[in-house]
Amino acid sequence: MKITQAKVLVVDDESAFRRVLRTSLSALGFQVAEASTGEQALRALTTDHFDVVLLDVEMPGMGGIEACRQIHQQSRRPAVLMLTVRDGDTDKARAFEAGADGYITKPVPFRELVARIQAALEANSSPAL
């Protein structure tokens, strides 16, 4: 999948962080949408298709782990990369148990984030073994 075709949903309660990611990823050709809560992310996923969701763990309302669990239950689900400041082993295990495809701790170098998004896109487009 080409980057210019990839749609990314950034879900984080910090508007400045979402804006930076939207601007930076858009400059590389990604189509980027934003949500500030897990509930908004789930609504966005019912009206549009996304290839990757970058999902914070701690947000008001529905947290990222529960949002990930619900996204994972969808029939046409995107790759979910948790992007969070929480770096404990328990947090990571809970995210993977909920269906996360990756776990990235903030701050993350932008080139690494893009590489992880690309890897998730490739993994999601590969046929199941």
C-alpha atoms as a PDB file:
ATOM      1  CA  MET A   1       0.000   0.000   0.000  1.00  0.00           C
ATOM      2  CA  LYS A   2       1.314   3.408  -0.911  1.00  0.00           C
ATOM      3  CA  ILE A   3       1.486   6.043   1.794  1.00  0.00           C
ATOM      4  CA  THR A   4      -0.654   8.423  -0.224  1.00  0.00           C
ATOM      5  CA  GLN A   5      -3.462   5.881  -0.059  1.00  0.00           C
ATOM      6  CA  ALA A   6      -3.146   5.212   3.675  1.00  0.00           C
ATOM      7  CA  LYS A   7      -5.731   6.728   5.996  1.00  0.00           C
ATOM      8  CA  VAL A   8      -4.681   7.319   9.589  1.00  0.00           C
ATOM      9  CA  LEU A   9      -6.922   8.184  12.545  1.00  0.00           C
ATOM     10  CA  VAL A  10      -5.052   9.944  15.363  1.00  0.00           C
ATOM     11  CA  VAL A  11      -6.860   9.536  18.694  1.00  0.00           C
ATOM     12  CA  ASP A  12      -5.471  11.605  21.551  1.00  0.00           C
ATOM     13  CA  ASP A  13      -6.989  14.062  24.001  1.00  0.00           C
ATOM     14  CA  GLU A  14      -4.131  16.554  23.485  1.00  0.00           C
ATOM     15  CA  SER A  15      -5.116  18.784  20.554  1.00  0.00           C
ATOM     16  CA  ALA A  16      -1.576  20.117  20.037  1.00  0.00           C
ATOM     17  CA  PHE A  17      -0.209  16.578  19.721  1.00  0.00           C
ATOM     18  CA  ARG A  18      -2.942  15.632  17.229  1.00  0.00           C
ATOM     19  CA  ARG A  19      -2.226  18.776  15.207  1.00  0.00           C
ATOM     20  CA  VAL A  20       1.514  18.025  15.015  1.00  0.00           C
ATOM     21  CA  LEU A  21       0.874  14.461  13.882  1.00  0.00           C
ATOM     22  CA  ARG A  22      -1.764  15.547  11.361  1.00  0.00           C
ATOM     23  CA  THR A  23       0.553  18.154   9.852  1.00  0.00           C
ATOM     24  CA  SER A  24       3.616  15.899   9.788  1.00  0.00           C
ATOM     25  CA  LEU A  25       1.872  12.800   8.453  1.00  0.00           C
ATOM     26  CA  SER A  26      -0.107  14.799   5.892  1.00  0.00           C
ATOM     27  CA  ALA A  27       3.154  16.234   4.552  1.00  0.00           C
ATOM     28  CA  LEU A  28       4.198  12.642   3.755  1.00  0.00           C
ATOM     29  CA  GLY A  29       0.965  11.957   1.889  1.00  0.00           C
ATOM     30  CA  PHE A  30      -1.068  10.232   4.582  1.00  0.00           C
ATOM     31  CA  GLN A  31      -4.748  11.126   4.815  1.00  0.00           C
ATOM     32  CA  VAL A  32      -5.211  12.018   8.486  1.00  0.00           C
ATOM     33  CA  ALA A  33      -8.305  12.465  10.624  1.00  0.00           C
ATOM     34  CA  GLU A  34      -8.482  13.191  14.346  1.00  0.00           C
ATOM     35  CA  ALA A  35     -10.525  12.187  17.370  1.00  0.00           C
ATOM     36  CA  SER A  36     -10.077  13.309  20.965  1.00  0.00           C
ATOM     37  CA  THR A  37     -11.834  10.399  22.697  1.00  0.00           C
ATOM     38  CA  GLY A  38     -12.358   6.694  22.252  1.00  0.00           C
ATOM     39  CA  GLU A  39     -16.047   7.327  21.618  1.00  0.00           C
ATOM     40  CA  GLN A  40     -15.259   9.773  18.801  1.00  0.00           C
ATOM     41  CA  ALA A  41     -12.842   7.261  17.298  1.00  0.00           C
ATOM     42  CA  LEU A  42     -15.477   4.521  17.232  1.00  0.00           C
ATOM     43  CA  ARG A  43     -17.969   6.892  15.582  1.00  0.00           C
ATOM     44  CA  ALA A  44     -15.372   7.862  12.963  1.00  0.00           C
ATOM     45  CA  LEU A  45     -14.711   4.192  12.249  1.00  0.00           C
ATOM     46  CA  THR A  46     -18.407   3.575  11.563  1.00  0.00           C
ATOM     47  CA  THR A  47     -18.550   6.292   8.915  1.00  0.00           C
ATOM     48  CA  ASP A  48     -15.117   5.967   7.304  1.00  0.00           C
ATOM     49  CA  HIS A  49     -12.445   3.337   6.693  1.00  0.00           C
ATOM     50  CA  PHE A  50      -8.996   3.847   8.196  1.00  0.00           C
ATOM     51  CA  ASP A  51      -5.905   1.757   7.606  1.00  0.00           C
ATOM     52  CA  VAL A  52      -4.193   2.643  10.887  1.00  0.00           C
ATOM     53  CA  VAL A  53      -5.388   4.041  14.200  1.00  0.00           C
ATOM     54  CA  LEU A  54      -2.850   5.735  16.481  1.00  0.00           C
ATOM     55  CA  LEU A  55      -4.513   5.417  19.872  1.00  0.00           C
ATOM     56  CA  ASP A  56      -3.598   6.977  23.214  1.00  0.00           C
ATOM     57  CA  VAL A  57      -4.213   4.882  26.336  1.00  0.00           C
ATOM     58  CA  GLU A  58      -5.363   7.568  28.775  1.00  0.00           C
ATOM     59  CA  MET A  59      -8.215   9.766  27.602  1.00  0.00           C
ATOM     60  CA  PRO A  60     -11.372  11.115  29.202  1.00  0.00           C
ATOM     61  CA  GLY A  61     -14.377   8.850  28.800  1.00  0.00           C
ATOM     62  CA  MET A  62     -13.566   5.589  27.086  1.00  0.00           C
ATOM     63  CA  GLY A  63      -9.867   4.906  27.402  1.00  0.00           C
ATOM     64  CA  GLY A  64      -7.653   3.569  24.674  1.00  0.00           C
ATOM     65  CA  ILE A  65      -7.642  -0.036  25.905  1.00  0.00           C
ATOM     66  CA  GLU A  66     -11.439  -0.331  25.730  1.00  0.00           C
ATOM     67  CA  ALA A  67     -11.519   1.510  22.394  1.00  0.00           C
ATOM     68  CA  CYS A  68      -8.887  -0.912  21.075  1.00  0.00           C
ATOM     69  CA  ARG A  69     -10.944  -3.877  22.285  1.00  0.00           C
ATOM     70  CA  GLN A  70     -14.013  -2.568  20.443  1.00  0.00           C
ATOM     71  CA  ILE A  71     -12.047  -1.753  17.280  1.00  0.00           C
ATOM     72  CA  HIS A  72     -10.577  -5.260  17.330  1.00  0.00           C
ATOM     73  CA  GLN A  73     -14.103  -6.727  17.232  1.00  0.00           C
ATOM     74  CA  GLN A  74     -14.964  -4.963  13.980  1.00  0.00           C
ATOM     75  CA  SER A  75     -15.024  -7.059  10.832  1.00  0.00           C
ATOM     76  CA  ARG A  76     -13.025  -4.565   8.766  1.00  0.00           C
ATOM     77  CA  ARG A  77     -10.586  -3.416  11.356  1.00  0.00           C
ATOM     78  CA  PRO A  78      -7.560  -1.183  10.918  1.00  0.00           C
ATOM     79  CA  ALA A  79      -4.153  -1.782  12.435  1.00  0.00           C
ATOM     80  CA  VAL A  80      -4.115  -0.278  15.935  1.00  0.00           C
ATOM     81  CA  LEU A  81      -0.906   1.207  17.270  1.00  0.00           C
ATOM     82  CA  MET A  82      -1.041   2.397  20.854  1.00  0.00           C
ATOM     83  CA  LEU A  83       0.878   5.679  21.124  1.00  0.00           C
ATOM     84  CA  THR A  84       1.202   6.624  24.775  1.00  0.00           C
ATOM     85  CA  VAL A  85       3.429   7.834  27.601  1.00  0.00           C
ATOM     86  CA  ARG A  86       2.555   4.745  29.654  1.00  0.00           C
ATOM     87  CA  ASP A  87       5.456   2.332  29.439  1.00  0.00           C
ATOM     88  CA  GLY A  88       4.767  -0.295  32.082  1.00  0.00           C
ATOM     89  CA  ASP A  89       4.738  -3.988  31.226  1.00  0.00           C
ATOM     90  CA  THR A  90       1.162  -4.312  32.513  1.00  0.00           C
ATOM     91  CA  ASP A  91      -0.004  -1.471  30.245  1.00  0.00           C
ATOM     92  CA  LYS A  92       1.630  -3.105  27.235  1.00  0.00           C
ATOM     93  CA  ALA A  93       0.193  -6.527  28.047  1.00  0.00           C
ATOM     94  CA  ARG A  94      -3.317  -5.078  28.448  1.00  0.00           C
ATOM     95  CA  ALA A  95      -3.024  -3.324  25.078  1.00  0.00           C
ATOM     96  CA  PHE A  96      -1.942  -6.486  23.258  1.00  0.00           C
ATOM     97  CA  GLU A  97      -4.636  -8.516  25.025  1.00  0.00           C
ATOM     98  CA  ALA A  98      -7.168  -5.963  23.732  1.00  0.00           C
ATOM     99  CA  GLY A  99      -5.935  -6.512  20.161  1.00  0.00           C
ATOM    100  CA  ALA A 100      -3.295  -3.818  19.622  1.00  0.00           C
ATOM    101  CA  ASP A 101      -0.918  -4.437  16.732  1.00  0.00           C
ATOM    102  CA  GLY A 102       1.854  -2.339  18.247  1.00  0.00           C
ATOM    103  CA  TYR A 103       2.780  -0.291  21.300  1.00  0.00           C
ATOM    104  CA  ILE A 104       4.833   2.881  20.941  1.00  0.00           C
ATOM    105  CA  THR A 105       5.980   4.966  23.882  1.00  0.00           C
ATOM    106  CA  LYS A 106       6.007   8.774  23.598  1.00  0.00           C
ATOM    107  CA  PRO A 107       8.113  10.601  22.796  1.00  0.00           C
ATOM    108  CA  VAL A 108       8.945   8.686  19.652  1.00  0.00           C
ATOM    109  CA  PRO A 109      11.230   9.935  16.874  1.00  0.00           C
ATOM    110  CA  PHE A 110       9.049  10.793  13.883  1.00  0.00           C
ATOM    111  CA  ARG A 111      10.988   8.571  11.449  1.00  0.00           C
ATOM    112  CA  GLU A 112      10.458   5.615  13.784  1.00  0.00           C
ATOM    113  CA  LEU A 113       6.734   6.358  14.004  1.00  0.00           C
ATOM    114  CA  VAL A 114       6.452   6.447  10.213  1.00  0.00           C
ATOM    115  CA  ALA A 115       8.395   3.183   9.931  1.00  0.00           C
ATOM    116  CA  ARG A 116       6.057   1.531  12.434  1.00  0.00           C
ATOM    117  CA  ILE A 117       3.002   2.802  10.557  1.00  0.00           C
ATOM    118  CA  GLN A 118       4.419   1.438   7.311  1.00  0.00           C
ATOM    119  CA  ALA A 119       5.153  -1.929   8.954  1.00  0.00           C
ATOM    120  CA  ALA A 120       1.583  -2.077  10.286  1.00  0.00           C
ATOM    121  CA  LEU A 121       0.218  -1.259   6.830  1.00  0.00           C
ATOM    122  CA  GLU A 122       2.302  -4.018   5.257  1.00  0.00           C
ATOM    123  CA  ALA A 123       1.299  -6.527   7.929  1.00  0.00           C
ATOM    124  CA  ASN A 124      -2.394  -5.696   7.490  1.00  0.00           C
ATOM    125  CA  SER A 125      -2.221  -6.026   3.714  1.00  0.00           C
ATOM    126  CA  SER A 126      -0.379  -9.368   3.741  1.00  0.00           C
ATOM    127  CA  PRO A 127      -2.470 -12.488   3.262  1.00  0.00           C
ATOM    128  CA  ALA A 128      -2.973 -14.572   6.401  1.00  0.00           C
ATOM    129  CA  LEU A 129      -0.752 -17.639   6.669  1.00  0.00           C
END
